[in-house]
């Protein structure tokens, strides 16, 4: 029994001595900042036509090594996926070779390889608003004291297409307050039969247009 205790004690002391004096070049401190890593990380991606060139501005230019050439976007994407699988994440400045309004070759910074929107964010949130609100300009109504209380003139040139006038606002507010709208352009349109029933019931009397065919 005493021999067993002595054996255990000797084994424990031997292990303690080994751990306290063990050194290895392969043992690396996880929190050590290796400043040499930045020199191995590409930091510029240049697109010329369909080809991509991945540069490292911290090291010398070597044909076939720096820059790394990719024939298309798919090859570059596969390379990035391989890098990330190895835990390598390099911030890259994406430059695209293009032409300006004067026809000169320039390099433009793009926000993303997959969404090169020329300085715009990858996703744009739009708020629905009335398109181009404007006032009605109608000589048949704005010539006091004549032409008072008359209907708006017919816009034969479609001057207000794409704009929202006060007349449009009045019409939209009226139709939005209805359970069903007679206007096919509204979300709450009651359907073809509903609109036709209003026409047949005389809802639009006074708004008819007569077309005289020769």
Protein backbone atom coordinates (compact mmCIF):
# COMPACT_ATOMS: atom_id res chain seq x y z
CA UNK A 1 0.00 0.00 0.00
CA UNK A 2 2.82 2.37 0.87
CA UNK A 3 4.57 1.50 -2.39
CA UNK A 4 1.40 2.41 -4.35
CA UNK A 5 1.15 5.79 -2.63
CA UNK A 6 4.81 6.51 -3.35
CA UNK A 7 4.29 5.55 -7.02
CA UNK A 8 1.31 7.91 -7.35
CA UNK A 9 3.21 10.74 -5.67
CA UNK A 10 6.24 10.28 -7.94
CA UNK A 11 4.00 10.21 -11.03
CA UNK A 12 2.23 13.41 -9.95
CA UNK A 13 5.49 15.24 -9.25
CA UNK A 14 6.92 14.09 -12.59
CA UNK A 15 3.88 15.40 -14.45
CA UNK A 16 4.04 18.69 -12.58
CA UNK A 17 7.71 19.10 -13.44
CA UNK A 18 7.06 18.28 -17.11
CA UNK A 19 4.21 20.81 -17.44
CA UNK A 20 6.16 23.60 -15.74
CA UNK A 21 9.22 23.16 -17.98
CA UNK A 22 7.59 22.20 -21.32
CA UNK A 23 8.14 24.59 -24.24
CA UNK A 24 7.27 24.15 -27.90
CA UNK A 25 7.56 26.33 -30.96
CA UNK A 26 4.13 25.06 -32.06
CA UNK A 27 2.38 26.37 -28.97
CA UNK A 28 1.03 29.84 -29.89
CA UNK A 29 -0.71 32.30 -27.64
CA UNK A 30 -4.27 32.78 -28.85
CA UNK A 31 -4.44 36.44 -27.84
CA UNK A 32 -1.11 37.42 -29.41
CA UNK A 33 -1.53 39.99 -32.18
CA UNK A 34 0.54 38.84 -35.11
CA UNK A 35 1.23 42.02 -37.05
CA UNK A 36 2.55 40.04 -40.01
CA UNK A 37 -0.94 38.77 -40.89
CA UNK A 38 -1.93 42.07 -42.52
CA UNK A 39 0.86 41.69 -45.05
CA UNK A 40 -0.64 38.39 -46.22
CA UNK A 41 -4.18 39.75 -46.65
CA UNK A 42 -5.30 41.09 -50.08
CA UNK A 43 -6.93 44.50 -49.75
CA UNK A 44 -7.86 45.68 -53.27
CA UNK A 45 -10.20 44.03 -55.77
CA UNK A 46 -10.10 45.49 -59.28
CA UNK A 47 -12.58 44.59 -62.01
CA UNK A 48 -11.65 45.08 -65.66
CA UNK A 49 -14.36 43.82 -67.93
CA UNK A 50 -15.34 40.28 -66.88
CA UNK A 51 -12.04 39.63 -65.08
CA UNK A 52 -11.19 40.33 -61.44
CA UNK A 53 -7.74 41.06 -59.98
CA UNK A 54 -7.10 40.68 -56.24
CA UNK A 55 -4.15 42.82 -55.11
CA UNK A 56 -2.12 43.04 -51.92
CA UNK A 57 -0.71 46.55 -51.74
CA UNK A 58 1.57 45.63 -48.80
CA UNK A 59 3.79 43.24 -50.77
CA UNK A 60 5.66 43.30 -54.06
CA UNK A 61 3.89 42.65 -57.37
CA UNK A 62 4.59 39.13 -58.65
CA UNK A 63 2.95 37.92 -61.90
CA UNK A 64 0.47 35.13 -61.15
CA UNK A 65 0.82 35.63 -57.39
CA UNK A 66 0.06 39.29 -56.75
CA UNK A 67 -2.40 40.07 -58.15
CA UNK A 68 -4.46 36.88 -58.19
CA UNK A 69 -6.42 36.76 -61.44
CA UNK A 70 -9.99 35.43 -61.74
CA UNK A 71 -11.73 34.91 -65.06
CA UNK A 72 -15.20 35.71 -63.70
CA UNK A 73 -17.18 36.53 -60.57
CA UNK A 74 -17.92 32.86 -59.87
CA UNK A 75 -14.20 32.05 -59.54
CA UNK A 76 -13.68 34.97 -57.15
CA UNK A 77 -16.70 33.90 -55.07
CA UNK A 78 -15.30 30.38 -54.72
CA UNK A 79 -11.96 31.83 -53.59
CA UNK A 80 -13.67 33.98 -50.93
CA UNK A 81 -15.64 30.97 -49.67
CA UNK A 82 -12.39 29.00 -49.37
CA UNK A 83 -10.77 31.89 -47.46
CA UNK A 84 -13.63 32.09 -44.99
CA UNK A 85 -13.61 28.33 -44.47
CA UNK A 86 -10.00 28.75 -43.30
CA UNK A 87 -10.96 31.60 -40.97
CA UNK A 88 -9.44 34.27 -43.23
CA UNK A 89 -11.48 37.46 -43.56
CA UNK A 90 -9.81 40.31 -45.40
CA UNK A 91 -11.45 43.76 -45.82
CA UNK A 92 -11.24 44.55 -49.53
CA UNK A 93 -11.72 47.83 -51.41
CA UNK A 94 -13.72 47.07 -54.57
CA UNK A 95 -12.84 49.18 -57.63
CA UNK A 96 -14.56 48.84 -60.99
CA UNK A 97 -13.02 50.02 -64.23
CA UNK A 98 -15.66 51.97 -66.14
CA UNK A 99 -16.08 55.03 -68.36
CA UNK A 100 -17.34 58.50 -67.43
CA UNK A 101 -19.55 60.85 -69.45
CA UNK A 102 -16.52 62.06 -71.40
CA UNK A 103 -15.62 58.52 -72.45
CA UNK A 104 -12.49 58.38 -70.31
CA UNK A 105 -11.50 55.27 -68.37
CA UNK A 106 -11.95 55.75 -64.61
CA UNK A 107 -12.05 53.60 -61.47
CA UNK A 108 -15.14 53.84 -59.29
CA UNK A 109 -15.59 52.54 -55.76
CA UNK A 110 -18.49 50.11 -55.53
CA UNK A 111 -20.20 49.03 -52.29
CA UNK A 112 -20.43 45.34 -53.17
CA UNK A 113 -19.31 42.89 -55.84
CA UNK A 114 -22.78 41.36 -56.10
CA UNK A 115 -24.58 44.73 -55.98
CA UNK A 116 -22.35 47.38 -57.63
CA UNK A 117 -24.79 50.27 -57.30
CA UNK A 118 -22.36 53.11 -57.79
CA UNK A 119 -22.28 54.50 -54.25
CA UNK A 120 -25.85 53.57 -53.35
CA UNK A 121 -26.50 51.23 -50.43
CA UNK A 122 -27.32 47.59 -51.37
CA UNK A 123 -30.91 48.03 -50.29
CA UNK A 124 -33.01 51.18 -50.60
CA UNK A 125 -36.10 51.66 -48.47
CA UNK A 126 -38.76 53.66 -50.31
CA UNK A 127 -41.70 55.39 -48.68
CA UNK A 128 -44.84 55.48 -50.86
CA UNK A 129 -45.71 59.10 -51.58
CA UNK A 130 -47.80 60.95 -54.12
CA UNK A 131 -45.77 61.37 -57.32
CA UNK A 132 -44.77 64.95 -58.12
CA UNK A 133 -47.56 66.94 -56.41
CA UNK A 134 -48.41 69.99 -58.51
CA UNK A 135 -51.19 72.54 -58.91
CA UNK A 136 -53.59 72.60 -61.84
CA UNK A 137 -52.82 75.20 -64.49
CA UNK A 138 -56.06 75.68 -66.37
CA UNK A 139 -56.81 78.88 -68.29
CA UNK A 140 -60.52 77.99 -68.47
CA UNK A 141 -60.77 78.24 -64.68
CA UNK A 142 -58.10 80.76 -63.68
CA UNK A 143 -59.37 83.74 -65.64
CA UNK A 144 -61.69 85.60 -63.26
CA UNK A 145 -64.37 86.82 -63.45
CA UNK A 146 -64.97 84.54 -66.43
CA UNK A 147 -65.23 80.75 -66.45
CA UNK A 148 -66.16 80.50 -62.77
CA UNK A 149 -67.45 77.22 -61.28
CA UNK A 150 -66.66 75.37 -64.48
CA UNK A 151 -65.24 71.89 -64.84
CA UNK A 152 -61.51 71.41 -65.52
CA UNK A 153 -60.62 71.53 -69.18
CA UNK A 154 -59.70 68.38 -71.07
CA UNK A 155 -55.94 67.76 -70.91
CA UNK A 156 -55.38 66.60 -74.47
CA UNK A 157 -51.56 66.73 -74.15
CA UNK A 158 -51.47 64.54 -71.02
CA UNK A 159 -49.52 67.29 -69.28
CA UNK A 160 -50.34 65.95 -65.81
CA UNK A 161 -49.56 62.28 -66.42
CA UNK A 162 -47.29 61.11 -63.60
CA UNK A 163 -48.25 64.05 -61.36
CA UNK A 164 -50.73 64.40 -58.52
CA UNK A 165 -53.03 67.41 -58.75
CA UNK A 166 -55.59 68.67 -56.19
CA UNK A 167 -58.29 67.11 -58.39
CA UNK A 168 -56.55 63.73 -58.12
CA UNK A 169 -56.29 64.14 -54.35
CA UNK A 170 -60.02 64.83 -54.02
CA UNK A 171 -60.85 61.82 -56.17
CA UNK A 172 -58.47 59.52 -54.30
CA UNK A 173 -59.74 60.56 -50.87
CA UNK A 174 -63.33 59.95 -51.96
CA UNK A 175 -62.59 56.48 -53.34
CA UNK A 176 -60.40 55.43 -50.40
CA UNK A 177 -63.24 56.10 -47.95
CA UNK A 178 -65.56 53.74 -49.84
CA UNK A 179 -65.87 50.05 -49.01
CA UNK A 180 -65.56 49.27 -52.72
CA UNK A 181 -64.08 51.64 -55.28
CA UNK A 182 -65.34 51.94 -58.85
CA UNK A 183 -61.79 52.72 -60.00
CA UNK A 184 -59.94 49.64 -61.35
CA UNK A 185 -56.62 51.23 -60.30
CA UNK A 186 -57.52 51.12 -56.59
CA UNK A 187 -56.75 48.23 -54.27
CA UNK A 188 -60.37 48.16 -53.07
CA UNK A 189 -61.91 48.01 -56.56
CA UNK A 190 -65.30 46.34 -56.45
CA UNK A 191 -64.86 44.64 -59.80
CA UNK A 192 -66.22 45.04 -63.32
CA UNK A 193 -69.83 44.28 -62.41
CA UNK A 194 -69.75 46.79 -59.55
CA UNK A 195 -68.48 49.60 -61.79
CA UNK A 196 -70.96 48.72 -64.54
CA UNK A 197 -73.82 48.77 -62.03
CA UNK A 198 -72.87 52.33 -61.05
CA UNK A 199 -72.84 53.36 -64.70
CA UNK A 200 -76.26 51.77 -65.28
CA UNK A 201 -77.70 53.41 -62.15
CA UNK A 202 -76.76 56.90 -63.36
CA UNK A 203 -73.90 57.50 -60.91
CA UNK A 204 -71.83 59.14 -63.63
CA UNK A 205 -74.59 61.27 -65.18
CA UNK A 206 -73.08 64.56 -66.25
CA UNK A 207 -69.66 63.04 -66.85
CA UNK A 208 -70.48 61.33 -70.12
CA UNK A 209 -68.38 62.06 -73.17
CA UNK A 210 -69.97 62.00 -76.61
CA UNK A 211 -67.83 60.86 -79.50
CA UNK A 212 -69.08 61.80 -82.94
CA UNK A 213 -67.84 59.39 -85.56
CA UNK A 214 -67.93 60.62 -89.18
